[in-house]
Amino acid sequence: MKLRRVNTPDGPRIEALDNDRWVRLSDVKRLDELTRSHGAQGHAASDMLTVLQLGPEGWQALAAEMPGLEPANAEADVMLPLVPASFRDFMLYESHVINATRGYLKRFMPSAHRVATTFEKATGKTFPKLRPHQLWYEQPIYYFGNHLNFLTDGDEIAWPAYTDALDYELELGAILAHPLIDASEEQATKAIGGFVVLNDVSARDTQKDEMASGFGPQKSKHFINAMSAIVTTANEVLPVIDALDASVSINGETVATCPSAGMQYSMGATIAQASKGEALHPGELFGSGTLPGGSGMENGHWLNPGDRLSLKIGEIGTLTNTISRGHA
């Protein structure tokens, strides 16, 4: 089930896609009954998280109520689907790390890039320093981002004055629908309510020194992120999570296709790792890390002011933003 939150004169409302038309959940006569019977907390007519808590059986029951409902305005004023309770971003693709590091060296450290390239041509092997840290091979690793600075589809991304190298990162975002602590991989997977297209916006020239500080990313990451206006329920994404159709377009031109196959750890395993000795709460957001080829540092197509950037995961939706100078 695909869901979105729209702005109306009566406040935010949740809509669902039914046979290529959007319908208002507030028009479902049995909505409150369905919400209670499937253990969700809140008002499904206006709260995205409540709908995500219904689970597969609840979504199926809700879908059965939709035929015959009046269609909503297809051109409605879409909103951020929810404000995340927190944002952890993982790094699940080895090929992204290797190729993004190559791209970083090429732009910012050309002498080191020549050394790495010479080594790889001579040996046919990956230059060792391009690979992830050893801990990455032992457990999922992540950083905390700024969960309060999220944009959605159609919003402008303001280019910070302190960077000359603004980059995008196409990722899969998982929204937690149920609380967890010390969860197994299976329990964590079942607690995922839905998925969004995620853009982990990055200031690459600022990132290196911050990472070298030992404190992780700061101004290179925390200034803004974006997620799609559409949320797709977990039951539609999890069965095909290794075969998603993803791509990056800039100004209408597709510059990269990004396979979702090859995660070092499953989304369930990453969330289970985060839950070790720590309570996780509904509404927390978890990023997959960049899909292979899904950043300018990898594919060579860097952003410029005025660009129209579209990140697409066909099974979920498209996230389109314009890059602007100054405050958006």
Protein backbone atom coordinates (compact mmCIF):
# COMPACT_ATOMS: atom_id res chain seq x y z
CA MET A 1 0.00 0.00 0.00
CA LYS A 2 1.24 3.46 -0.95
CA LEU A 3 0.45 6.30 1.45
CA ARG A 4 0.91 10.05 1.55
CA ARG A 5 0.11 12.93 3.90
CA VAL A 6 -1.56 15.99 2.39
CA ASN A 7 -2.37 19.47 3.63
CA THR A 8 -6.09 20.30 3.73
CA PRO A 9 -8.21 23.12 5.25
CA ASP A 10 -9.02 20.68 8.05
CA GLY A 11 -5.37 19.90 8.75
CA PRO A 12 -3.10 17.03 7.62
CA ARG A 13 -4.87 13.99 6.18
CA ILE A 14 -3.57 10.56 5.13
CA GLU A 15 -4.41 9.23 1.69
CA ALA A 16 -3.85 5.80 0.15
CA LEU A 17 -3.43 4.79 -3.49
CA ASP A 18 -6.25 2.56 -4.70
CA ASN A 19 -6.15 1.45 -8.35
CA ASP A 20 -4.20 4.50 -9.52
CA ARG A 21 -6.35 6.99 -7.57
CA TRP A 22 -5.77 8.55 -4.18
CA VAL A 23 -8.52 8.16 -1.58
CA ARG A 24 -8.89 9.76 1.86
CA LEU A 25 -8.66 7.43 4.83
CA SER A 26 -11.05 9.76 6.64
CA ASP A 27 -13.74 8.51 4.23
CA VAL A 28 -13.33 4.90 5.44
CA LYS A 29 -16.37 4.36 7.68
CA ARG A 30 -14.79 1.56 9.73
CA LEU A 31 -11.41 3.30 10.11
CA ASP A 32 -11.53 3.68 13.90
CA GLU A 33 -12.72 0.10 14.31
CA LEU A 34 -9.91 -1.21 12.08
CA THR A 35 -7.36 0.87 13.94
CA ARG A 36 -8.38 -0.49 17.33
CA SER A 37 -8.74 -4.10 16.19
CA HIS A 38 -5.20 -4.17 14.79
CA GLY A 39 -3.56 -2.65 17.86
CA ALA A 40 -2.58 0.72 16.40
CA GLN A 41 -2.43 3.85 18.53
CA GLY A 42 -3.62 7.23 17.26
CA HIS A 43 -5.77 8.59 14.44
CA ALA A 44 -5.19 6.85 11.12
CA ALA A 45 -7.04 9.57 9.22
CA SER A 46 -4.30 12.10 9.99
CA ASP A 47 -1.27 10.24 11.40
CA MET A 48 1.08 8.27 9.13
CA LEU A 49 2.63 6.29 11.96
CA THR A 50 -0.78 5.00 13.09
CA VAL A 51 -1.41 3.59 9.60
CA LEU A 52 2.03 1.96 9.53
CA GLN A 53 1.26 0.26 12.86
CA LEU A 54 -1.71 -1.60 11.37
CA GLY A 55 0.59 -4.28 9.94
CA PRO A 56 -0.02 -6.58 6.95
CA GLU A 57 -3.44 -7.83 8.10
CA GLY A 58 -4.57 -4.31 8.92
CA TRP A 59 -3.40 -2.94 5.56
CA GLN A 60 -5.27 -5.74 3.80
CA ALA A 61 -8.44 -4.97 5.75
CA LEU A 62 -8.04 -1.26 5.01
CA ALA A 63 -7.59 -1.91 1.29
CA ALA A 64 -10.83 -3.89 1.26
CA GLU A 65 -12.68 -0.76 2.42
CA MET A 66 -11.37 1.51 -0.35
CA PRO A 67 -13.34 0.49 -3.48
CA GLY A 68 -16.22 2.89 -3.95
CA LEU A 69 -14.63 5.78 -2.08
CA GLU A 70 -14.60 9.15 -3.80
CA PRO A 71 -11.20 10.01 -5.29
CA ALA A 72 -9.14 12.70 -3.60
CA ASN A 73 -7.40 15.54 -5.42
CA ALA A 74 -4.54 13.95 -7.34
CA GLU A 75 -2.65 17.28 -7.28
CA ALA A 76 -2.96 17.75 -3.52
CA ASP A 77 -0.42 19.68 -1.46
CA VAL A 78 1.77 16.83 -0.23
CA MET A 79 3.61 17.12 3.07
CA LEU A 80 6.52 15.44 4.80
CA PRO A 81 4.96 12.06 5.65
CA LEU A 82 6.19 12.25 9.25
CA VAL A 83 8.87 13.91 11.35
CA PRO A 84 11.22 11.05 12.31
CA ALA A 85 11.74 10.40 16.02
CA SER A 86 15.43 9.92 15.17
CA PHE A 87 17.59 9.22 12.12
CA ARG A 88 20.32 6.60 11.95
CA ASP A 89 22.09 6.10 8.63
CA PHE A 90 23.87 2.80 8.00
CA MET A 91 26.41 1.87 5.34
CA LEU A 92 25.36 -1.45 3.81
CA TYR A 93 27.06 -1.54 0.38
CA GLU A 94 30.76 -2.28 0.04
CA SER A 95 30.82 -1.26 -3.62
CA HIS A 96 29.50 2.19 -2.70
CA VAL A 97 32.27 2.69 -0.16
CA ILE A 98 34.98 1.62 -2.60
CA ASN A 99 33.73 3.61 -5.58
CA ALA A 100 32.80 6.69 -3.55
CA THR A 101 36.29 6.73 -2.02
CA ARG A 102 37.78 6.49 -5.50
CA GLY A 103 35.64 9.44 -6.53
CA TYR A 104 36.70 11.41 -3.47
CA LEU A 105 40.39 10.85 -4.20
CA LYS A 106 39.92 11.80 -7.84
CA ARG A 107 38.39 15.18 -6.97
CA PHE A 108 40.12 16.15 -3.74
CA MET A 109 43.35 14.11 -3.54
CA PRO A 110 44.60 13.56 -7.11
CA SER A 111 48.06 12.35 -6.04
CA ALA A 112 46.54 9.63 -3.85
CA HIS A 113 44.15 8.78 -6.68
CA ARG A 114 47.10 8.19 -9.03
CA VAL A 115 48.73 5.90 -6.48
CA ALA A 116 45.54 3.89 -6.02
CA THR A 117 44.92 3.67 -9.76
CA THR A 118 48.50 2.53 -10.44
CA PHE A 119 48.22 -0.15 -7.76
CA GLU A 120 44.90 -1.46 -9.11
CA LYS A 121 46.13 -1.56 -12.72
CA ALA A 122 49.28 -3.41 -11.71
CA THR A 123 47.65 -5.94 -9.38
CA GLY A 124 44.07 -6.25 -10.61
CA LYS A 125 43.00 -5.87 -6.98
CA THR A 126 41.16 -3.16 -5.05
CA PHE A 127 43.48 -0.69 -3.36
CA PRO A 128 43.24 -1.73 0.33
CA LYS A 129 42.64 1.79 1.65
CA LEU A 130 39.46 2.03 -0.43
CA ARG A 131 37.71 -0.71 1.50
CA PRO A 132 35.54 -0.09 4.59
CA HIS A 133 36.99 -0.20 8.10
CA GLN A 134 37.38 -3.70 9.54
CA LEU A 135 34.50 -3.13 11.96
CA TRP A 136 32.15 -2.80 8.97
CA TYR A 137 32.78 -6.46 8.15
CA GLU A 138 31.96 -7.49 11.72
CA GLN A 139 28.75 -5.55 12.43
CA PRO A 140 26.46 -2.91 10.91
CA ILE A 141 27.76 0.61 11.52
CA TYR A 142 25.91 3.92 11.38
CA TYR A 143 25.92 7.58 12.31
CA PHE A 144 23.16 9.71 13.83
CA GLY A 145 21.82 12.46 11.57
CA ASN A 146 19.58 15.44 12.19
CA HIS A 147 16.04 14.07 12.26
CA LEU A 148 14.47 17.55 12.47
CA ASN A 149 15.86 18.88 9.18
CA PHE A 150 13.95 16.80 6.62
CA LEU A 151 12.45 18.04 3.36
CA THR A 152 10.12 16.16 1.05
CA ASP A 153 9.20 15.97 -2.62
CA GLY A 154 9.07 19.36 -4.36
CA ASP A 155 11.00 21.27 -1.71
CA GLU A 156 14.18 23.25 -2.45
CA ILE A 157 17.51 22.07 -1.08
CA ALA A 158 19.55 25.11 -0.10
CA TRP A 159 23.25 24.92 -0.94
CA PRO A 160 25.23 25.80 2.23
CA ALA A 161 27.71 28.65 1.83
CA TYR A 162 30.53 26.63 3.43
CA THR A 163 30.71 23.92 0.76
CA ASP A 164 31.74 23.78 -2.89
CA ALA A 165 30.90 20.09 -3.27
CA LEU A 166 27.24 19.37 -2.57
CA ASP A 167 26.32 15.73 -3.18
CA TYR A 168 23.27 13.49 -3.07
CA GLU A 169 23.00 9.92 -1.80
CA LEU A 170 20.13 7.72 -2.97
CA GLU A 171 19.09 5.43 -0.13
CA LEU A 172 16.27 3.27 1.12
CA GLY A 173 14.72 4.53 4.35
CA ALA A 174 12.90 2.19 6.77
CA ILE A 175 10.39 3.58 9.29
CA LEU A 176 10.03 1.69 12.56
CA ALA A 177 6.40 1.13 13.52
CA HIS A 178 6.78 -0.75 16.81
CA PRO A 179 9.08 -0.48 19.87
CA LEU A 180 12.08 -2.78 20.18
CA ILE A 181 14.89 -3.61 22.56
CA ASP A 182 17.45 -6.42 22.18
CA ALA A 183 15.54 -7.58 19.12
CA SER A 184 16.38 -10.49 16.86
CA GLU A 185 16.71 -9.89 13.12
CA GLU A 186 13.25 -11.43 12.60
CA GLN A 187 11.66 -9.25 15.29
CA ALA A 188 13.27 -6.13 13.88
CA THR A 189 12.11 -6.94 10.36
CA LYS A 190 8.51 -7.38 11.55
CA ALA A 191 8.68 -4.02 13.33
CA ILE A 192 9.33 -2.11 10.07
CA GLY A 193 6.17 -0.29 9.01
CA GLY A 194 7.14 1.27 5.71
CA PHE A 195 9.82 2.53 3.36
CA VAL A 196 10.65 5.87 1.75
CA VAL A 197 13.12 7.12 -0.84
CA LEU A 198 15.86 8.86 1.13
CA ASN A 199 18.46 11.48 0.16
CA ASP A 200 21.37 11.77 2.61
CA VAL A 201 22.58 15.16 1.37
CA SER A 202 26.34 15.61 1.89
CA ALA A 203 28.95 18.38 1.78
CA ARG A 204 31.91 16.33 0.58
CA ASP A 205 34.68 18.88 0.96
CA THR A 206 33.67 19.41 4.59
CA GLN A 207 33.32 15.71 5.35
CA LYS A 208 36.96 14.59 5.33
CA ASP A 209 38.23 16.77 8.17
CA GLU A 210 35.14 16.07 10.27
CA MET A 211 35.57 12.32 9.89
CA ALA A 212 39.26 12.62 10.78
CA SER A 213 38.28 14.32 14.04
CA GLY A 214 36.98 11.00 15.38
CA PHE A 215 33.54 12.50 16.09
CA GLY A 216 31.97 11.55 12.76
CA PRO A 217 30.06 13.79 10.34
CA GLN A 218 28.80 17.16 11.54
CA LYS A 219 28.13 20.12 9.21
CA SER A 220 28.85 17.85 6.25
CA LYS A 221 25.63 15.94 6.92
CA HIS A 222 23.35 17.58 9.47
CA PHE A 223 22.18 20.65 7.53
CA ILE A 224 19.43 18.91 5.51
CA ASN A 225 18.04 15.56 4.34
CA ALA A 226 15.02 14.64 2.24
CA MET A 227 12.53 11.78 2.05
CA SER A 228 9.83 10.98 -0.49
CA ALA A 229 6.27 12.13 0.13
CA ILE A 230 5.11 8.58 -0.57
CA VAL A 231 5.53 5.82 2.01
CA THR A 232 5.15 2.23 0.83
CA THR A 233 4.17 -0.35 3.42
CA ALA A 234 6.79 -2.93 4.36
CA ASN A 235 4.83 -5.90 3.00
CA GLU A 236 5.29 -4.57 -0.54
CA VAL A 237 9.00 -3.77 -0.25
CA LEU A 238 10.57 -6.50 1.90
CA PRO A 239 9.87 -9.38 -0.53
CA VAL A 240 11.70 -7.53 -3.35
CA ILE A 241 14.21 -5.49 -1.36
CA ASP A 242 17.15 -7.02 -3.23
CA ALA A 243 15.65 -6.27 -6.65
CA LEU A 244 14.44 -2.68 -6.43
CA ASP A 245 14.45 -0.49 -9.55
CA ALA A 246 16.36 2.64 -8.51
CA SER A 247 17.89 5.51 -10.46
CA VAL A 248 19.24 9.07 -10.30
CA SER A 249 18.22 11.79 -12.76
CA ILE A 250 19.52 15.36 -13.02
CA ASN A 251 17.59 17.86 -15.14
CA GLY A 252 15.62 15.03 -16.72
CA GLU A 253 18.65 12.93 -17.71
CA THR A 254 19.21 9.57 -16.04
CA VAL A 255 22.80 9.59 -14.81
CA ALA A 256 22.86 6.35 -12.79
CA THR A 257 20.91 3.15 -12.26
CA CYS A 258 21.39 1.78 -8.78
CA PRO A 259 20.85 -1.90 -7.91
CA SER A 260 19.60 -2.62 -4.40
CA ALA A 261 21.15 -6.10 -4.35
CA GLY A 262 24.30 -6.72 -2.33
CA MET A 263 23.56 -5.44 1.18
CA GLN A 264 26.17 -6.67 3.64
CA TYR A 265 23.42 -6.90 6.28
CA SER A 266 19.63 -6.94 5.99
CA MET A 267 17.56 -3.99 7.18
CA GLY A 268 16.31 -6.23 9.98
CA ALA A 269 19.87 -7.03 11.07
CA THR A 270 20.84 -3.35 11.09
CA ILE A 271 17.86 -2.39 13.25
CA ALA A 272 18.51 -5.34 15.56
CA GLN A 273 22.08 -4.09 16.00
CA ALA A 274 20.78 -0.64 16.94
CA SER A 275 18.42 -2.22 19.51
CA LYS A 276 21.17 -3.94 21.51
CA GLY A 277 20.75 -2.71 25.06
CA GLU A 278 18.84 0.28 23.71
CA ALA A 279 15.12 0.98 23.39
CA LEU A 280 13.98 1.90 19.89
CA HIS A 281 10.73 3.77 19.40
CA PRO A 282 8.02 4.01 16.74
CA GLY A 283 8.81 6.64 14.16
CA GLU A 284 12.59 6.18 14.14
CA LEU A 285 14.09 6.23 10.64
CA PHE A 286 16.92 3.98 9.41
CA GLY A 287 18.83 4.57 6.17
CA SER A 288 20.38 1.78 4.14
CA GLY A 289 23.37 3.83 3.11
CA THR A 290 23.87 4.77 -0.52
CA LEU A 291 22.77 2.30 -3.17
CA PRO A 292 25.68 1.47 -5.51
CA GLY A 293 26.18 4.31 -7.98
CA GLY A 294 23.71 6.55 -6.15
CA SER A 295 26.00 9.50 -5.38
CA GLY A 296 27.76 12.06 -7.52
CA MET A 297 31.04 11.11 -5.91
CA GLU A 298 30.62 7.64 -7.44
CA ASN A 299 29.00 8.34 -10.81
CA GLY A 300 30.81 11.64 -11.52
CA HIS A 301 27.64 13.71 -11.93
CA TRP A 302 28.00 16.37 -9.24
CA LEU A 303 25.32 18.93 -8.40
CA ASN A 304 25.20 22.55 -9.49
CA PRO A 305 22.90 25.35 -8.28
CA GLY A 306 19.63 25.26 -10.21
CA ASP A 307 19.75 21.52 -10.87
CA ARG A 308 16.56 19.49 -10.61
CA LEU A 309 17.46 16.23 -8.86
CA SER A 310 15.19 13.17 -8.99
CA LEU A 311 15.88 10.02 -6.97
CA LYS A 312 13.62 7.13 -7.87
CA ILE A 313 12.87 3.74 -6.39
CA GLY A 314 10.13 2.44 -8.64
CA GLU A 315 8.51 0.26 -6.02
CA ILE A 316 8.22 3.23 -3.63
CA GLY A 317 8.19 6.57 -5.44
CA THR A 318 10.26 9.50 -6.66
CA LEU A 319 11.91 12.25 -4.62
CA THR A 320 12.45 15.42 -6.69
CA ASN A 321 14.13 18.57 -5.36
CA THR A 322 15.63 21.69 -6.89
CA ILE A 323 19.05 22.86 -5.71
CA SER A 324 19.10 26.53 -4.74
CA ARG A 325 21.58 29.06 -3.42
CA GLY A 326 20.67 30.62 -0.08
CA HIS A 327 17.87 29.78 2.33
CA ALA A 328 15.02 27.65 0.98
